[in-house]
C-alpha cells in the first residue's frame, strides 16, 4: 500500500474511534460531524480491506487487524505531534490543547478542582480529560502521547519515566458527627474495631497502601465491614447518614468534610507510614513545552515540603527536582 495514496487524517479518526469506542464521541473529540467520521471509517475499511471496528452493545469493538494497527498508528501520531511542537513555545493564552491525566477518583476529587480553576484562569481555552487506568496501561499511553502525566501514589514506572514528589499523604477516619464516636477528637483502636465500617477499595495503589497499613496494625481482618465501595461518589452521604466509619486519605476526608457540616475526621488509631503522591511522565515528552507547563503548574499548586525526618528527606533528594526512575 502506497502511503502517498492515504489521507493521514484518517489515522486521527482511527485513533479517536479506538479511544472512545464511538463514532459520535470520536467526532466530538475531533470537531467533526458523525457523518464525516462514518465516511472516514468507510474509507479506512476500504484501504485496509477490513471492518476495523464492529458495532456491539459495548460500542465500536476493534477487530484483530485494528488491534495490530493501533500501536504504530498512535506512536506515529505522537511523533508527528512532537515534531510540530519542536521549536514552538506553548502559549497558554491562546492554546486549546487537551491535557489527559491519569488519576483515580481520589485525585479527581482532591486535585482536579483546583488545577482546573487555576489553569483556566491562565489558559482560558485549555481542556482536561481524566482517565483511571492500570499502571501498565498508563505506561503505554504515556509512551504514545495519549496521557500527559500520571498523578497519584503510583510506583515508579520504569527507567523511561521521570517522577516528582508532590506531597506525603496519610490515612484518617471519617465519621458522622451524630454517631457514637462523632464528638471525639481521637479514637482508640478498640473503639475502631468495635465499630462498623465502609471499606473503600479504589482501583490503584492507594488501596494497596491502606491494606498494608491495616495489616501492620492487625486490623485488616478484624474490622466489621458493612459496605465495600469501589468509588468515592456518595460515600460522604452514606457516612453522614449512618454510624459507619470510613478510613480514607486525609485530603479526601478534608474535601468531604468541607462539603458537609455533619462529618468529622480524626487521626487513625494506629501508626500510618506516610506515602508519596507523585507526578510521573515519559522521557519523550520531558522537553515538550506544553507538558512542561502542566507539570510546573501541578508542582506549584500541590508541592509540599516533606514532614518526615531529615534522614528520610535526604534519601529522597531535594524533593523539588524531577528524577528519573533509574537515577543512572
Foldseek 3Di string as FASTA:
>chain_A
DDPVVDDLVLLLLLQLCVVPLALCRSCVVVVHHSVVSVVSQVVVCVVVVHNQFDQDPVHTHGDPVVVVPNLVSLQVVLVVVLVVLVPPADQLQPDLEEAEEEEWQLCCLQPVVVLVVVSCVRRVNYHYHYDHDALVVVVSCLNSVNHLKYKFLADANDQQKKKFFAAWKWKWKKAFCPAPCNVDQDDAPVVQLVAEAEAAQEPDCQNVLVLVQCVVVVNNVRHHYDHYHHHPPPVLVVRNVDGHMYMHIPSSSVSSCVVDVGMDIHHDNGDHDIGTIMMMGGNVCPPRNVSVVSVVSSNVVGHDDYPDDPVVCVVVPVRGDIARPPND
